[in-house]
Amino acid sequence: MKPGKYYLQAVLNWSSGAYYDRYTGSGYNSYGGGTDYYQREYYKSM
């Protein structure tokens, strides 16, 4: 390369994801108490 000023540019693709429990409702269990229901979901951020 010849002497001079050069600029280096890079593009990095990055994403992240994880599981979480989303609240879907509640109900009563067989002991007369309340039960909360959750559904495991995956989210991805870019």
PDB file of N, CA and C in Angstrom:
ATOM      1  N   MET A   1       0.847  -1.180   0.000  1.00  0.00           N
ATOM      2  CA  MET A   1       0.000   0.000   0.000  1.00  0.00           C
ATOM      3  C   MET A   1       0.886   1.235   0.000  1.00  0.00           C
ATOM      4  N   LYS A   2       0.410   2.217  -0.662  1.00  0.00           N
ATOM      5  CA  LYS A   2       1.137   3.474  -0.717  1.00  0.00           C
ATOM      6  C   LYS A   2       0.950   4.225   0.603  1.00  0.00           C
ATOM      7  N   PRO A   3       1.892   5.047   0.986  1.00  0.00           N
ATOM      8  CA  PRO A   3       1.728   5.862   2.188  1.00  0.00           C
ATOM      9  C   PRO A   3       0.540   6.802   2.035  1.00  0.00           C
ATOM     10  N   GLY A   4      -0.154   7.033   3.127  1.00  0.00           N
ATOM     11  CA  GLY A   4      -1.305   7.927   3.107  1.00  0.00           C
ATOM     12  C   GLY A   4      -2.276   7.567   4.207  1.00  0.00           C
ATOM     13  N   LYS A   5      -3.395   8.246   4.216  1.00  0.00           N
ATOM     14  CA  LYS A   5      -4.431   7.982   5.222  1.00  0.00           C
ATOM     15  C   LYS A   5      -5.458   7.024   4.646  1.00  0.00           C
ATOM     16  N   TYR A   6      -5.758   6.023   5.421  1.00  0.00           N
ATOM     17  CA  TYR A   6      -6.742   5.034   5.028  1.00  0.00           C
ATOM     18  C   TYR A   6      -7.754   4.875   6.152  1.00  0.00           C
ATOM     19  N   TYR A   7      -8.987   4.608   5.798  1.00  0.00           N
ATOM     20  CA  TYR A   7     -10.052   4.373   6.778  1.00  0.00           C
ATOM     21  C   TYR A   7     -10.562   2.960   6.605  1.00  0.00           C
ATOM     22  N   LEU A   8     -10.656   2.274   7.717  1.00  0.00           N
ATOM     23  CA  LEU A   8     -11.148   0.898   7.708  1.00  0.00           C
ATOM     24  C   LEU A   8     -12.573   0.895   8.234  1.00  0.00           C
ATOM     25  N   GLN A   9     -13.466   0.274   7.489  1.00  0.00           N
ATOM     26  CA  GLN A   9     -14.865   0.201   7.895  1.00  0.00           C
ATOM     27  C   GLN A   9     -15.271  -1.261   7.946  1.00  0.00           C
ATOM     28  N   ALA A  10     -16.000  -1.622   9.010  1.00  0.00           N
ATOM     29  CA  ALA A  10     -16.480  -2.994   9.158  1.00  0.00           C
ATOM     30  C   ALA A  10     -17.948  -2.973   9.548  1.00  0.00           C
ATOM     31  N   VAL A  11     -18.688  -3.944   9.061  1.00  0.00           N
ATOM     32  CA  VAL A  11     -20.097  -4.098   9.403  1.00  0.00           C
ATOM     33  C   VAL A  11     -20.228  -5.405  10.168  1.00  0.00           C
ATOM     34  N   LEU A  12     -20.723  -5.316  11.381  1.00  0.00           N
ATOM     35  CA  LEU A  12     -20.874  -6.499  12.217  1.00  0.00           C
ATOM     36  C   LEU A  12     -22.357  -6.788  12.405  1.00  0.00           C
ATOM     37  N   ASN A  13     -22.775  -7.949  11.974  1.00  0.00           N
ATOM     38  CA  ASN A  13     -24.155  -8.365  12.206  1.00  0.00           C
ATOM     39  C   ASN A  13     -24.241  -8.961  13.607  1.00  0.00           C
ATOM     40  N   TRP A  14     -25.125  -8.424  14.420  1.00  0.00           N
ATOM     41  CA  TRP A  14     -25.240  -8.876  15.798  1.00  0.00           C
ATOM     42  C   TRP A  14     -26.712  -8.969  16.159  1.00  0.00           C
ATOM     43  N   SER A  15     -27.059 -10.039  16.787  1.00  0.00           N
ATOM     44  CA  SER A  15     -28.421 -10.185  17.287  1.00  0.00           C
ATOM     45  C   SER A  15     -28.371 -10.984  18.575  1.00  0.00           C
ATOM     46  N   SER A  16     -29.418 -10.853  19.337  1.00  0.00           N
ATOM     47  CA  SER A  16     -29.486 -11.524  20.624  1.00  0.00           C
ATOM     48  C   SER A  16     -30.900 -12.046  20.821  1.00  0.00           C
ATOM     49  N   GLY A  17     -31.009 -13.118  21.555  1.00  0.00           N
ATOM     50  CA  GLY A  17     -32.322 -13.669  21.825  1.00  0.00           C
ATOM     51  C   GLY A  17     -32.326 -14.390  23.158  1.00  0.00           C
ATOM     52  N   ALA A  18     -33.511 -14.575  23.681  1.00  0.00           N
ATOM     53  CA  ALA A  18     -33.645 -15.258  24.969  1.00  0.00           C
ATOM     54  C   ALA A  18     -35.085 -15.732  25.125  1.00  0.00           C
ATOM     55  N   TYR A  19     -35.291 -16.602  26.084  1.00  0.00           N
ATOM     56  CA  TYR A  19     -36.635 -17.074  26.413  1.00  0.00           C
ATOM     57  C   TYR A  19     -37.170 -16.306  27.608  1.00  0.00           C
ATOM     58  N   TYR A  20     -38.470 -16.116  27.642  1.00  0.00           N
ATOM     59  CA  TYR A  20     -39.123 -15.513  28.802  1.00  0.00           C
ATOM     60  C   TYR A  20     -40.495 -16.154  28.978  1.00  0.00           C
ATOM     61  N   ASP A  21     -41.048 -16.022  30.153  1.00  0.00           N
ATOM     62  CA  ASP A  21     -42.366 -16.585  30.449  1.00  0.00           C
ATOM     63  C   ASP A  21     -43.414 -15.480  30.362  1.00  0.00           C
ATOM     64  N   ARG A  22     -44.309 -15.598  29.374  1.00  0.00           N
ATOM     65  CA  ARG A  22     -45.366 -14.611  29.175  1.00  0.00           C
ATOM     66  C   ARG A  22     -46.602 -15.048  29.940  1.00  0.00           C
ATOM     67  N   TYR A  23     -47.157 -14.145  30.729  1.00  0.00           N
ATOM     68  CA  TYR A  23     -48.368 -14.425  31.500  1.00  0.00           C
ATOM     69  C   TYR A  23     -49.542 -14.608  30.549  1.00  0.00           C
ATOM     70  N   THR A  24     -50.277 -15.718  30.677  1.00  0.00           N
ATOM     71  CA  THR A  24     -51.405 -15.985  29.779  1.00  0.00           C
ATOM     72  C   THR A  24     -52.749 -16.021  30.496  1.00  0.00           C
ATOM     73  N   GLY A  25     -52.756 -15.995  31.812  1.00  0.00           N
ATOM     74  CA  GLY A  25     -54.025 -15.988  32.525  1.00  0.00           C
ATOM     75  C   GLY A  25     -53.914 -16.655  33.873  1.00  0.00           C
ATOM     76  N   SER A  26     -55.053 -16.780  34.523  1.00  0.00           N
ATOM     77  CA  SER A  26     -55.080 -17.420  35.840  1.00  0.00           C
ATOM     78  C   SER A  26     -56.340 -18.256  35.971  1.00  0.00           C
ATOM     79  N   GLY A  27     -56.339 -19.095  36.974  1.00  0.00           N
ATOM     80  CA  GLY A  27     -57.489 -19.950  37.231  1.00  0.00           C
ATOM     81  C   GLY A  27     -57.415 -20.480  38.646  1.00  0.00           C
ATOM     82  N   TYR A  28     -58.282 -21.424  38.962  1.00  0.00           N
ATOM     83  CA  TYR A  28     -58.314 -22.018  40.298  1.00  0.00           C
ATOM     84  C   TYR A  28     -57.820 -23.449  40.226  1.00  0.00           C
ATOM     85  N   ASN A  29     -57.028 -23.835  41.200  1.00  0.00           N
ATOM     86  CA  ASN A  29     -56.543 -25.205  41.235  1.00  0.00           C
ATOM     87  C   ASN A  29     -57.479 -26.080  42.055  1.00  0.00           C
ATOM     88  N   SER A  30     -57.184 -27.350  42.145  1.00  0.00           N
ATOM     89  CA  SER A  30     -58.070 -28.296  42.826  1.00  0.00           C
ATOM     90  C   SER A  30     -58.069 -28.118  44.350  1.00  0.00           C
ATOM     91  N   TYR A  31     -57.187 -27.292  44.881  1.00  0.00           N
ATOM     92  CA  TYR A  31     -57.139 -27.036  46.328  1.00  0.00           C
ATOM     93  C   TYR A  31     -57.878 -25.761  46.711  1.00  0.00           C
ATOM     94  N   GLY A  32     -58.507 -25.102  45.730  1.00  0.00           N
ATOM     95  CA  GLY A  32     -59.271 -23.889  46.012  1.00  0.00           C
ATOM     96  C   GLY A  32     -58.446 -22.620  45.929  1.00  0.00           C
ATOM     97  N   GLY A  33     -57.197 -22.737  45.588  1.00  0.00           N
ATOM     98  CA  GLY A  33     -56.330 -21.562  45.462  1.00  0.00           C
ATOM     99  C   GLY A  33     -56.182 -21.130  44.016  1.00  0.00           C
ATOM    100  N   GLY A  34     -55.561 -20.004  43.842  1.00  0.00           N
ATOM    101  CA  GLY A  34     -55.348 -19.478  42.501  1.00  0.00           C
ATOM    102  C   GLY A  34     -54.069 -20.004  41.873  1.00  0.00           C
ATOM    103  N   THR A  35     -54.089 -20.120  40.557  1.00  0.00           N
ATOM    104  CA  THR A  35     -52.928 -20.562  39.798  1.00  0.00           C
ATOM    105  C   THR A  35     -52.726 -19.619  38.625  1.00  0.00           C
ATOM    106  N   ASP A  36     -51.503 -19.158  38.437  1.00  0.00           N
ATOM    107  CA  ASP A  36     -51.166 -18.325  37.286  1.00  0.00           C
ATOM    108  C   ASP A  36     -50.560 -19.214  36.208  1.00  0.00           C
ATOM    109  N   TYR A  37     -50.904 -18.916  34.952  1.00  0.00           N
ATOM    110  CA  TYR A  37     -50.403 -19.695  33.829  1.00  0.00           C
ATOM    111  C   TYR A  37     -49.490 -18.835  32.973  1.00  0.00           C
ATOM    112  N   TYR A  38     -48.385 -19.445  32.549  1.00  0.00           N
ATOM    113  CA  TYR A  38     -47.400 -18.759  31.727  1.00  0.00           C
ATOM    114  C   TYR A  38     -47.061 -19.622  30.525  1.00  0.00           C
ATOM    115  N   GLN A  39     -46.671 -18.963  29.450  1.00  0.00           N
ATOM    116  CA  GLN A  39     -46.243 -19.678  28.256  1.00  0.00           C
ATOM    117  C   GLN A  39     -44.835 -19.216  27.908  1.00  0.00           C
ATOM    118  N   ARG A  40     -43.932 -20.156  27.695  1.00  0.00           N
ATOM    119  CA  ARG A  40     -42.540 -19.825  27.376  1.00  0.00           C
ATOM    120  C   ARG A  40     -42.464 -19.386  25.928  1.00  0.00           C
ATOM    121  N   GLU A  41     -41.854 -18.206  25.713  1.00  0.00           N
ATOM    122  CA  GLU A  41     -41.711 -17.662  24.348  1.00  0.00           C
ATOM    123  C   GLU A  41     -40.273 -17.227  24.130  1.00  0.00           C
ATOM    124  N   TYR A  42     -39.920 -17.117  22.874  1.00  0.00           N
ATOM    125  CA  TYR A  42     -38.572 -16.708  22.484  1.00  0.00           C
ATOM    126  C   TYR A  42     -38.661 -15.355  21.804  1.00  0.00           C
ATOM    127  N   TYR A  43     -37.766 -14.456  22.160  1.00  0.00           N
ATOM    128  CA  TYR A  43     -37.718 -13.188  21.457  1.00  0.00           C
ATOM    129  C   TYR A  43     -36.306 -12.986  20.920  1.00  0.00           C
ATOM    130  N   LYS A  44     -36.230 -12.227  19.844  1.00  0.00           N
ATOM    131  CA  LYS A  44     -34.942 -11.972  19.204  1.00  0.00           C
ATOM    132  C   LYS A  44     -34.841 -10.473  18.949  1.00  0.00           C
ATOM    133  N   SER A  45     -33.751  -9.877  19.380  1.00  0.00           N
ATOM    134  CA  SER A  45     -33.525  -8.462  19.117  1.00  0.00           C
ATOM    135  C   SER A  45     -32.417  -8.326  18.088  1.00  0.00           C
ATOM    136  N   MET A  46     -32.555  -7.355  17.243  1.00  0.00           N
ATOM    137  CA  MET A  46     -31.547  -7.148  16.188  1.00  0.00           C
ATOM    138  C   MET A  46     -30.915  -5.797  16.340  1.00  0.00           C
TER     139      MET A  46
END
